[in-house]
């Protein structure tokens, strides 16, 4: 299997170079997608290149207990393209903490 894609819970996940820009490992990203505490869908802002795609936001801890945010774009056949992953920012912290109680 290519290092740029992987299967997580039967779903194909693809990793462009930008997915690891913030030095979050692909294993940590896969862990959050498989074991998220919060998953929500939102549309990209109007006029953005991906404005017709659904963005999926995953919040959760990686295998080392670090809280992360992971964003992916849903593909046609159920695959996901991870576009962003980094330590959890303050704007998502409240959402993540509410579900952890």
PDB file of N, CA and C in Angstrom:
ATOM      1  N   UNK A   1       0.844  -1.181   0.000  1.00  0.00           N
ATOM      2  CA  UNK A   1       0.000   0.000   0.000  1.00  0.00           C
ATOM      3  C   UNK A   1       0.886   1.240   0.000  1.00  0.00           C
ATOM      4  N   UNK A   2       0.554   2.219  -0.775  1.00  0.00           N
ATOM      5  CA  UNK A   2       1.304   3.458  -0.868  1.00  0.00           C
ATOM      6  C   UNK A   2       1.276   4.219   0.446  1.00  0.00           C
ATOM      7  N   UNK A   3       2.342   4.937   0.723  1.00  0.00           N
ATOM      8  CA  UNK A   3       2.397   5.765   1.919  1.00  0.00           C
ATOM      9  C   UNK A   3       1.456   6.959   1.799  1.00  0.00           C
ATOM     10  N   UNK A   4       0.977   7.238   0.590  1.00  0.00           N
ATOM     11  CA  UNK A   4       0.077   8.363   0.380  1.00  0.00           C
ATOM     12  C   UNK A   4      -1.381   7.981   0.569  1.00  0.00           C
ATOM     13  N   UNK A   5      -1.669   6.716   0.815  1.00  0.00           N
ATOM     14  CA  UNK A   5      -3.040   6.291   1.066  1.00  0.00           C
ATOM     15  C   UNK A   5      -3.022   5.140   2.055  1.00  0.00           C
ATOM     16  N   UNK A   6      -4.159   4.950   2.699  1.00  0.00           N
ATOM     17  CA  UNK A   6      -4.278   3.873   3.674  1.00  0.00           C
ATOM     18  C   UNK A   6      -5.744   3.572   3.893  1.00  0.00           C
ATOM     19  N   UNK A   7      -6.014   2.408   4.412  1.00  0.00           N
ATOM     20  CA  UNK A   7      -7.385   2.043   4.744  1.00  0.00           C
ATOM     21  C   UNK A   7      -7.580   2.210   6.244  1.00  0.00           C
ATOM     22  N   UNK A   8      -8.621   2.939   6.611  1.00  0.00           N
ATOM     23  CA  UNK A   8      -8.987   3.138   8.010  1.00  0.00           C
ATOM     24  C   UNK A   8     -10.437   2.708   8.151  1.00  0.00           C
ATOM     25  N   UNK A   9     -10.664   1.676   8.918  1.00  0.00           N
ATOM     26  CA  UNK A   9     -12.018   1.160   9.123  1.00  0.00           C
ATOM     27  C   UNK A   9     -12.739   0.937   7.797  1.00  0.00           C
ATOM     28  N   UNK A  10     -12.041   0.355   6.821  1.00  0.00           N
ATOM     29  CA  UNK A  10     -12.636   0.040   5.531  1.00  0.00           C
ATOM     30  C   UNK A  10     -12.762   1.230   4.593  1.00  0.00           C
ATOM     31  N   UNK A  11     -12.283   2.396   4.974  1.00  0.00           N
ATOM     32  CA  UNK A  11     -12.382   3.601   4.161  1.00  0.00           C
ATOM     33  C   UNK A  11     -10.981   3.947   3.657  1.00  0.00           C
ATOM     34  N   UNK A  12     -10.859   4.284   2.390  1.00  0.00           N
ATOM     35  CA  UNK A  12      -9.563   4.697   1.855  1.00  0.00           C
ATOM     36  C   UNK A  12      -9.287   6.140   2.240  1.00  0.00           C
ATOM     37  N   UNK A  13      -8.111   6.371   2.811  1.00  0.00           N
ATOM     38  CA  UNK A  13      -7.688   7.704   3.236  1.00  0.00           C
ATOM     39  C   UNK A  13      -6.421   8.050   2.464  1.00  0.00           C
ATOM     40  N   UNK A  14      -6.400   9.226   1.857  1.00  0.00           N
ATOM     41  CA  UNK A  14      -5.267   9.677   1.054  1.00  0.00           C
ATOM     42  C   UNK A  14      -4.599  10.863   1.741  1.00  0.00           C
ATOM     43  N   UNK A  15      -3.294  10.938   1.597  1.00  0.00           N
ATOM     44  CA  UNK A  15      -2.498  11.954   2.277  1.00  0.00           C
ATOM     45  C   UNK A  15      -1.670  12.763   1.285  1.00  0.00           C
ATOM     46  N   UNK A  16      -2.124  13.934   0.860  1.00  0.00           N
ATOM     47  CA  UNK A  16      -1.234  14.789   0.078  1.00  0.00           C
ATOM     48  C   UNK A  16      -0.148  15.342   1.004  1.00  0.00           C
ATOM     49  N   UNK A  17       0.864  15.905   0.454  1.00  0.00           N
ATOM     50  CA  UNK A  17       1.976  16.423   1.254  1.00  0.00           C
ATOM     51  C   UNK A  17       1.502  17.421   2.314  1.00  0.00           C
ATOM     52  N   UNK A  18       0.494  18.220   2.013  1.00  0.00           N
ATOM     53  CA  UNK A  18       0.013  19.238   2.955  1.00  0.00           C
ATOM     54  C   UNK A  18      -0.592  18.638   4.228  1.00  0.00           C
ATOM     55  N   UNK A  19      -0.986  17.385   4.194  1.00  0.00           N
ATOM     56  CA  UNK A  19      -1.631  16.753   5.357  1.00  0.00           C
ATOM     57  C   UNK A  19      -0.708  16.682   6.558  1.00  0.00           C
ATOM     58  N   UNK A  20       0.593  16.611   6.313  1.00  0.00           N
ATOM     59  CA  UNK A  20       1.541  16.479   7.419  1.00  0.00           C
ATOM     60  C   UNK A  20       2.375  17.752   7.610  1.00  0.00           C
ATOM     61  N   UNK A  21       1.885  18.847   7.105  1.00  0.00           N
ATOM     62  CA  UNK A  21       2.570  20.139   7.189  1.00  0.00           C
ATOM     63  C   UNK A  21       2.908  20.523   8.630  1.00  0.00           C
ATOM     64  N   UNK A  22       2.019  20.193   9.565  1.00  0.00           N
ATOM     65  CA  UNK A  22       2.220  20.551  10.974  1.00  0.00           C
ATOM     66  C   UNK A  22       2.902  19.431  11.758  1.00  0.00           C
ATOM     67  N   UNK A  23       3.557  18.520  11.041  1.00  0.00           N
ATOM     68  CA  UNK A  23       4.337  17.432  11.635  1.00  0.00           C
ATOM     69  C   UNK A  23       3.504  16.469  12.486  1.00  0.00           C
ATOM     70  N   UNK A  24       2.285  16.226  12.050  1.00  0.00           N
ATOM     71  CA  UNK A  24       1.462  15.184  12.661  1.00  0.00           C
ATOM     72  C   UNK A  24       1.643  13.948  11.789  1.00  0.00           C
ATOM     73  N   UNK A  25       1.977  12.837  12.409  1.00  0.00           N
ATOM     74  CA  UNK A  25       2.257  11.628  11.631  1.00  0.00           C
ATOM     75  C   UNK A  25       0.987  11.048  11.011  1.00  0.00           C
ATOM     76  N   UNK A  26       1.171  10.300   9.949  1.00  0.00           N
ATOM     77  CA  UNK A  26       0.042   9.636   9.299  1.00  0.00           C
ATOM     78  C   UNK A  26      -0.595   8.618  10.232  1.00  0.00           C
ATOM     79  N   UNK A  27       0.204   7.961  11.057  1.00  0.00           N
ATOM     80  CA  UNK A  27      -0.365   7.022  12.038  1.00  0.00           C
ATOM     81  C   UNK A  27      -1.269   7.750  13.027  1.00  0.00           C
ATOM     82  N   UNK A  28      -0.860   8.924  13.483  1.00  0.00           N
ATOM     83  CA  UNK A  28      -1.694   9.700  14.406  1.00  0.00           C
ATOM     84  C   UNK A  28      -2.978  10.165  13.721  1.00  0.00           C
ATOM     85  N   UNK A  29      -2.860  10.572  12.469  1.00  0.00           N
ATOM     86  CA  UNK A  29      -4.045  10.997  11.709  1.00  0.00           C
ATOM     87  C   UNK A  29      -5.012   9.820  11.561  1.00  0.00           C
ATOM     88  N   UNK A  30      -4.491   8.663  11.184  1.00  0.00           N
ATOM     89  CA  UNK A  30      -5.331   7.467  11.039  1.00  0.00           C
ATOM     90  C   UNK A  30      -6.023   7.128  12.365  1.00  0.00           C
ATOM     91  N   UNK A  31      -5.289   7.261  13.467  1.00  0.00           N
ATOM     92  CA  UNK A  31      -5.855   6.943  14.780  1.00  0.00           C
ATOM     93  C   UNK A  31      -7.022   7.870  15.101  1.00  0.00           C
ATOM     94  N   UNK A  32      -6.864   9.156  14.860  1.00  0.00           N
ATOM     95  CA  UNK A  32      -7.950  10.104  15.145  1.00  0.00           C
ATOM     96  C   UNK A  32      -9.162   9.812  14.264  1.00  0.00           C
ATOM     97  N   UNK A  33      -8.948   9.509  12.997  1.00  0.00           N
ATOM     98  CA  UNK A  33     -10.074   9.197  12.110  1.00  0.00           C
ATOM     99  C   UNK A  33     -10.801   7.936  12.586  1.00  0.00           C
ATOM    100  N   UNK A  34     -10.059   6.955  13.050  1.00  0.00           N
ATOM    101  CA  UNK A  34     -10.671   5.696  13.493  1.00  0.00           C
ATOM    102  C   UNK A  34     -11.294   5.796  14.883  1.00  0.00           C
ATOM    103  N   UNK A  35     -10.798   6.708  15.740  1.00  0.00           N
ATOM    104  CA  UNK A  35     -11.232   6.765  17.144  1.00  0.00           C
ATOM    105  C   UNK A  35     -11.621   8.176  17.566  1.00  0.00           C
ATOM    106  N   UNK A  36     -12.210   8.957  16.679  1.00  0.00           N
ATOM    107  CA  UNK A  36     -12.542  10.357  16.981  1.00  0.00           C
ATOM    108  C   UNK A  36     -13.530  10.470  18.140  1.00  0.00           C
ATOM    109  N   UNK A  37     -13.507  11.635  18.810  1.00  0.00           N
ATOM    110  CA  UNK A  37     -14.521  11.918  19.826  1.00  0.00           C
ATOM    111  C   UNK A  37     -15.589  12.830  19.246  1.00  0.00           C
ATOM    112  N   UNK A  38     -15.235  13.626  18.236  1.00  0.00           N
ATOM    113  CA  UNK A  38     -16.195  14.496  17.552  1.00  0.00           C
ATOM    114  C   UNK A  38     -15.947  14.370  16.057  1.00  0.00           C
ATOM    115  N   UNK A  39     -17.037  14.243  15.305  1.00  0.00           N
ATOM    116  CA  UNK A  39     -16.961  14.232  13.836  1.00  0.00           C
ATOM    117  C   UNK A  39     -18.082  15.121  13.347  1.00  0.00           C
ATOM    118  N   UNK A  40     -17.757  16.101  12.534  1.00  0.00           N
ATOM    119  CA  UNK A  40     -18.798  16.974  11.995  1.00  0.00           C
ATOM    120  C   UNK A  40     -18.498  17.279  10.538  1.00  0.00           C
ATOM    121  N   UNK A  41     -19.518  17.629   9.826  1.00  0.00           N
ATOM    122  CA  UNK A  41     -19.379  17.979   8.417  1.00  0.00           C
ATOM    123  C   UNK A  41     -19.695  19.456   8.252  1.00  0.00           C
ATOM    124  N   UNK A  42     -18.963  20.088   7.352  1.00  0.00           N
ATOM    125  CA  UNK A  42     -19.241  21.477   7.026  1.00  0.00           C
ATOM    126  C   UNK A  42     -18.851  21.719   5.584  1.00  0.00           C
ATOM    127  N   UNK A  43     -19.418  22.756   5.004  1.00  0.00           N
ATOM    128  CA  UNK A  43     -19.091  23.114   3.635  1.00  0.00           C
ATOM    129  C   UNK A  43     -17.936  24.101   3.649  1.00  0.00           C
ATOM    130  N   UNK A  44     -17.123  24.056   2.614  1.00  0.00           N
ATOM    131  CA  UNK A  44     -16.051  25.035   2.474  1.00  0.00           C
ATOM    132  C   UNK A  44     -16.665  26.398   2.223  1.00  0.00           C
ATOM    133  N   UNK A  45     -15.960  27.464   2.543  1.00  0.00           N
ATOM    134  CA  UNK A  45     -16.470  28.804   2.253  1.00  0.00           C
ATOM    135  C   UNK A  45     -16.747  28.976   0.759  1.00  0.00           C
ATOM    136  N   UNK A  46     -17.803  29.720   0.432  1.00  0.00           N
ATOM    137  CA  UNK A  46     -18.147  29.966  -0.968  1.00  0.00           C
ATOM    138  C   UNK A  46     -16.970  30.608  -1.680  1.00  0.00           C
ATOM    139  N   UNK A  47     -16.737  30.165  -2.892  1.00  0.00           N
ATOM    140  CA  UNK A  47     -15.669  30.731  -3.700  1.00  0.00           C
ATOM    141  C   UNK A  47     -14.319  30.056  -3.518  1.00  0.00           C
ATOM    142  N   UNK A  48     -14.189  29.178  -2.537  1.00  0.00           N
ATOM    143  CA  UNK A  48     -12.919  28.474  -2.367  1.00  0.00           C
ATOM    144  C   UNK A  48     -12.826  27.381  -3.432  1.00  0.00           C
ATOM    145  N   UNK A  49     -11.625  26.929  -3.756  1.00  0.00           N
ATOM    146  CA  UNK A  49     -11.488  25.898  -4.800  1.00  0.00           C
ATOM    147  C   UNK A  49     -12.269  24.625  -4.500  1.00  0.00           C
ATOM    148  N   UNK A  50     -12.467  24.307  -3.233  1.00  0.00           N
ATOM    149  CA  UNK A  50     -13.159  23.070  -2.866  1.00  0.00           C
ATOM    150  C   UNK A  50     -14.582  23.349  -2.391  1.00  0.00           C
ATOM    151  N   UNK A  51     -15.188  24.457  -2.826  1.00  0.00           N
ATOM    152  CA  UNK A  51     -16.488  24.884  -2.282  1.00  0.00           C
ATOM    153  C   UNK A  51     -17.613  23.885  -2.535  1.00  0.00           C
ATOM    154  N   UNK A  52     -17.463  22.981  -3.493  1.00  0.00           N
ATOM    155  CA  UNK A  52     -18.516  21.996  -3.733  1.00  0.00           C
ATOM    156  C   UNK A  52     -18.295  20.715  -2.954  1.00  0.00           C
ATOM    157  N   UNK A  53     -17.214  20.643  -2.197  1.00  0.00           N
ATOM    158  CA  UNK A  53     -16.892  19.440  -1.437  1.00  0.00           C
ATOM    159  C   UNK A  53     -17.334  19.583   0.012  1.00  0.00           C
ATOM    160  N   UNK A  54     -17.607  18.462   0.620  1.00  0.00           N
ATOM    161  CA  UNK A  54     -17.931  18.447   2.039  1.00  0.00           C
ATOM    162  C   UNK A  54     -16.648  18.230   2.827  1.00  0.00           C
ATOM    163  N   UNK A  55     -16.427  19.091   3.787  1.00  0.00           N
ATOM    164  CA  UNK A  55     -15.254  18.962   4.654  1.00  0.00           C
ATOM    165  C   UNK A  55     -15.679  18.225   5.913  1.00  0.00           C
ATOM    166  N   UNK A  56     -14.911  17.236   6.304  1.00  0.00           N
ATOM    167  CA  UNK A  56     -15.188  16.465   7.510  1.00  0.00           C
ATOM    168  C   UNK A  56     -14.117  16.833   8.539  1.00  0.00           C
ATOM    169  N   UNK A  57     -14.571  17.217   9.731  1.00  0.00           N
ATOM    170  CA  UNK A  57     -13.659  17.596  10.799  1.00  0.00           C
ATOM    171  C   UNK A  57     -13.704  16.500  11.862  1.00  0.00           C
ATOM    172  N   UNK A  58     -12.539  15.963  12.182  1.00  0.00           N
ATOM    173  CA  UNK A  58     -12.410  14.956  13.235  1.00  0.00           C
ATOM    174  C   UNK A  58     -11.626  15.579  14.388  1.00  0.00           C
ATOM    175  N   UNK A  59     -12.127  15.442  15.592  1.00  0.00           N
ATOM    176  CA  UNK A  59     -11.419  15.887  16.783  1.00  0.00           C
ATOM    177  C   UNK A  59     -11.227  14.675  17.674  1.00  0.00           C
ATOM    178  N   UNK A  60     -10.040  14.517  18.205  1.00  0.00           N
ATOM    179  CA  UNK A  60      -9.795  13.392  19.094  1.00  0.00           C
ATOM    180  C   UNK A  60      -8.331  13.283  19.451  1.00  0.00           C
ATOM    181  N   UNK A  61      -8.038  12.334  20.316  1.00  0.00           N
ATOM    182  CA  UNK A  61      -6.670  12.111  20.762  1.00  0.00           C
ATOM    183  C   UNK A  61      -5.994  11.068  19.886  1.00  0.00           C
ATOM    184  N   UNK A  62      -4.722  11.285  19.629  1.00  0.00           N
ATOM    185  CA  UNK A  62      -3.962  10.272  18.896  1.00  0.00           C
ATOM    186  C   UNK A  62      -3.555   9.156  19.845  1.00  0.00           C
ATOM    187  N   UNK A  63      -2.771   8.215  19.358  1.00  0.00           N
ATOM    188  CA  UNK A  63      -2.384   7.053  20.159  1.00  0.00           C
ATOM    189  C   UNK A  63      -1.495   7.413  21.345  1.00  0.00           C
ATOM    190  N   UNK A  64      -0.993   8.659  21.380  1.00  0.00           N
ATOM    191  CA  UNK A  64      -0.147   9.119  22.485  1.00  0.00           C
ATOM    192  C   UNK A  64      -0.897  10.059  23.430  1.00  0.00           C
ATOM    193  N   UNK A  65      -2.183  10.280  23.178  1.00  0.00           N
ATOM    194  CA  UNK A  65      -2.994  11.141  24.038  1.00  0.00           C
ATOM    195  C   UNK A  65      -2.959  12.612  23.676  1.00  0.00           C
ATOM    196  N   UNK A  66      -2.345  12.962  22.547  1.00  0.00           N
ATOM    197  CA  UNK A  66      -2.324  14.363  22.116  1.00  0.00           C
ATOM    198  C   UNK A  66      -3.620  14.684  21.373  1.00  0.00           C
ATOM    199  N   UNK A  67      -4.306  15.745  21.797  1.00  0.00           N
ATOM    200  CA  UNK A  67      -5.545  16.162  21.145  1.00  0.00           C
ATOM    201  C   UNK A  67      -5.218  16.782  19.789  1.00  0.00           C
ATOM    202  N   UNK A  68      -5.895  16.280  18.743  1.00  0.00           N
ATOM    203  CA  UNK A  68      -5.645  16.731  17.376  1.00  0.00           C
ATOM    204  C   UNK A  68      -6.936  17.136  16.687  1.00  0.00           C
ATOM    205  N   UNK A  69      -6.781  17.945  15.663  1.00  0.00           N
ATOM    206  CA  UNK A  69      -7.862  18.224  14.724  1.00  0.00           C
ATOM    207  C   UNK A  69      -7.403  17.737  13.366  1.00  0.00           C
ATOM    208  N   UNK A  70      -8.282  17.033  12.682  1.00  0.00           N
ATOM    209  CA  UNK A  70      -7.987  16.485  11.360  1.00  0.00           C
ATOM    210  C   UNK A  70      -9.133  16.876  10.445  1.00  0.00           C
ATOM    211  N   UNK A  71      -8.820  17.415   9.275  1.00  0.00           N
ATOM    212  CA  UNK A  71      -9.855  17.768   8.304  1.00  0.00           C
ATOM    213  C   UNK A  71      -9.618  16.987   7.021  1.00  0.00           C
ATOM    214  N   UNK A  72     -10.709  16.510   6.457  1.00  0.00           N
ATOM    215  CA  UNK A  72     -10.642  15.727   5.224  1.00  0.00           C
ATOM    216  C   UNK A  72     -11.764  16.148   4.298  1.00  0.00           C
ATOM    217  N   UNK A  73     -11.589  15.865   3.035  1.00  0.00           N
ATOM    218  CA  UNK A  73     -12.630  16.094   2.032  1.00  0.00           C
ATOM    219  C   UNK A  73     -13.154  14.735   1.609  1.00  0.00           C
ATOM    220  N   UNK A  74     -14.475  14.586   1.625  1.00  0.00           N
ATOM    221  CA  UNK A  74     -15.103  13.327   1.238  1.00  0.00           C
ATOM    222  C   UNK A  74     -15.072  13.177  -0.277  1.00  0.00           C
ATOM    223  N   UNK A  75     -14.662  11.988  -0.720  1.00  0.00           N
ATOM    224  CA  UNK A  75     -14.636  11.692  -2.146  1.00  0.00           C
ATOM    225  C   UNK A  75     -15.898  10.971  -2.583  1.00  0.00           C
ATOM    226  N   UNK A  76     -15.991  10.698  -3.862  1.00  0.00           N
ATOM    227  CA  UNK A  76     -17.180  10.077  -4.443  1.00  0.00           C
ATOM    228  C   UNK A  76     -17.420   8.650  -3.967  1.00  0.00           C
ATOM    229  N   UNK A  77     -16.359   7.877  -3.838  1.00  0.00           N
ATOM    230  CA  UNK A  77     -16.516   6.451  -3.511  1.00  0.00           C
ATOM    231  C   UNK A  77     -16.258   6.175  -2.032  1.00  0.00           C
ATOM    232  N   UNK A  78     -16.469   7.178  -1.188  1.00  0.00           N
ATOM    233  CA  UNK A  78     -16.283   6.986   0.238  1.00  0.00           C
ATOM    234  C   UNK A  78     -14.865   7.220   0.722  1.00  0.00           C
ATOM    235  N   UNK A  79     -13.947   7.524  -0.211  1.00  0.00           N
ATOM    236  CA  UNK A  79     -12.589   7.794   0.223  1.00  0.00           C
ATOM    237  C   UNK A  79     -12.500   9.202   0.805  1.00  0.00           C
ATOM    238  N   UNK A  80     -11.438   9.451   1.536  1.00  0.00           N
ATOM    239  CA  UNK A  80     -11.232  10.765   2.130  1.00  0.00           C
ATOM    240  C   UNK A  80      -9.829  11.256   1.825  1.00  0.00           C
ATOM    241  N   UNK A  81      -9.725  12.542   1.527  1.00  0.00           N
ATOM    242  CA  UNK A  81      -8.457  13.196   1.279  1.00  0.00           C
ATOM    243  C   UNK A  81      -8.182  14.080   2.487  1.00  0.00           C
ATOM    244  N   UNK A  82      -7.175  13.732   3.280  1.00  0.00           N
ATOM    245  CA  UNK A  82      -6.828  14.518   4.462  1.00  0.00           C
ATOM    246  C   UNK A  82      -6.153  15.796   3.988  1.00  0.00           C
ATOM    247  N   UNK A  83      -6.710  16.948   4.374  1.00  0.00           N
ATOM    248  CA  UNK A  83      -6.165  18.225   3.926  1.00  0.00           C
ATOM    249  C   UNK A  83      -5.497  19.001   5.047  1.00  0.00           C
ATOM    250  N   UNK A  84      -5.684  18.557   6.296  1.00  0.00           N
ATOM    251  CA  UNK A  84      -5.174  19.334   7.424  1.00  0.00           C
ATOM    252  C   UNK A  84      -5.111  18.454   8.661  1.00  0.00           C
ATOM    253  N   UNK A  85      -4.047  18.584   9.417  1.00  0.00           N
ATOM    254  CA  UNK A  85      -3.935  17.907  10.709  1.00  0.00           C
ATOM    255  C   UNK A  85      -2.962  18.693  11.567  1.00  0.00           C
ATOM    256  N   UNK A  86      -3.368  18.970  12.804  1.00  0.00           N
ATOM    257  CA  UNK A  86      -2.499  19.710  13.721  1.00  0.00           C
ATOM    258  C   UNK A  86      -2.992  19.541  15.148  1.00  0.00           C
ATOM    259  N   UNK A  87      -2.169  19.947  16.121  1.00  0.00           N
ATOM    260  CA  UNK A  87      -2.670  19.919  17.503  1.00  0.00           C
ATOM    261  C   UNK A  87      -3.944  20.750  17.615  1.00  0.00           C
ATOM    262  N   UNK A  88      -4.826  20.322  18.474  1.00  0.00           N
ATOM    263  CA  UNK A  88      -6.141  20.940  18.621  1.00  0.00           C
ATOM    264  C   UNK A  88      -6.025  22.417  18.979  1.00  0.00           C
ATOM    265  N   UNK A  89      -6.653  23.268  18.189  1.00  0.00           N
ATOM    266  CA  UNK A  89      -6.665  24.708  18.454  1.00  0.00           C
ATOM    267  C   UNK A  89      -7.796  25.048  19.416  1.00  0.00           C
ATOM    268  N   UNK A  90      -7.686  26.206  20.017  1.00  0.00           N
ATOM    269  CA  UNK A  90      -8.654  26.665  21.014  1.00  0.00           C
ATOM    270  C   UNK A  90     -10.081  26.682  20.447  1.00  0.00           C
ATOM    271  N   UNK A  91     -10.239  27.060  19.183  1.00  0.00           N
ATOM    272  CA  UNK A  91     -11.589  27.171  18.616  1.00  0.00           C
ATOM    273  C   UNK A  91     -12.317  25.823  18.572  1.00  0.00           C
ATOM    274  N   UNK A  92     -11.595  24.703  18.609  1.00  0.00           N
ATOM    275  CA  UNK A  92     -12.214  23.379  18.620  1.00  0.00           C
ATOM    276  C   UNK A  92     -12.201  22.724  19.997  1.00  0.00           C
ATOM    277  N   UNK A  93     -11.431  23.271  20.916  1.00  0.00           N
ATOM    278  CA  UNK A  93     -11.257  22.639  22.229  1.00  0.00           C
ATOM    279  C   UNK A  93     -12.583  22.446  22.961  1.00  0.00           C
ATOM    280  N   UNK A  94     -13.451  23.442  22.943  1.00  0.00           N
ATOM    281  CA  UNK A  94     -14.734  23.343  23.654  1.00  0.00           C
ATOM    282  C   UNK A  94     -15.575  22.194  23.096  1.00  0.00           C
ATOM    283  N   UNK A  95     -15.626  22.047  21.784  1.00  0.00           N
ATOM    284  CA  UNK A  95     -16.395  20.959  21.166  1.00  0.00           C
ATOM    285  C   UNK A  95     -15.858  19.601  21.597  1.00  0.00           C
ATOM    286  N   UNK A  96     -14.546  19.479  21.642  1.00  0.00           N
ATOM    287  CA  UNK A  96     -13.923  18.225  22.011  1.00  0.00           C
ATOM    288  C   UNK A  96     -14.153  17.904  23.486  1.00  0.00           C
ATOM    289  N   UNK A  97     -14.052  18.903  24.347  1.00  0.00           N
ATOM    290  CA  UNK A  97     -14.228  18.692  25.786  1.00  0.00           C
ATOM    291  C   UNK A  97     -15.676  18.339  26.145  1.00  0.00           C
ATOM    292  N   UNK A  98     -16.642  18.913  25.429  1.00  0.00           N
ATOM    293  CA  UNK A  98     -18.053  18.647  25.709  1.00  0.00           C
ATOM    294  C   UNK A  98     -18.390  17.164  25.509  1.00  0.00           C
ATOM    295  N   UNK A  99     -17.791  16.541  24.541  1.00  0.00           N
ATOM    296  CA  UNK A  99     -18.095  15.139  24.267  1.00  0.00           C
ATOM    297  C   UNK A  99     -17.283  14.195  25.139  1.00  0.00           C
ATOM    298  N   UNK A 100     -16.220  14.696  25.737  1.00  0.00           N
ATOM    299  CA  UNK A 100     -15.357  13.862  26.566  1.00  0.00           C
ATOM    300  C   UNK A 100     -15.907  13.690  27.988  1.00  0.00           C
ATOM    301  N   UNK A 101     -16.934  14.427  28.328  1.00  0.00           N
ATOM    302  CA  UNK A 101     -17.488  14.362  29.691  1.00  0.00           C
ATOM    303  C   UNK A 101     -18.335  13.148  29.895  1.00  0.00           C
TER     304      UNK A 101
END
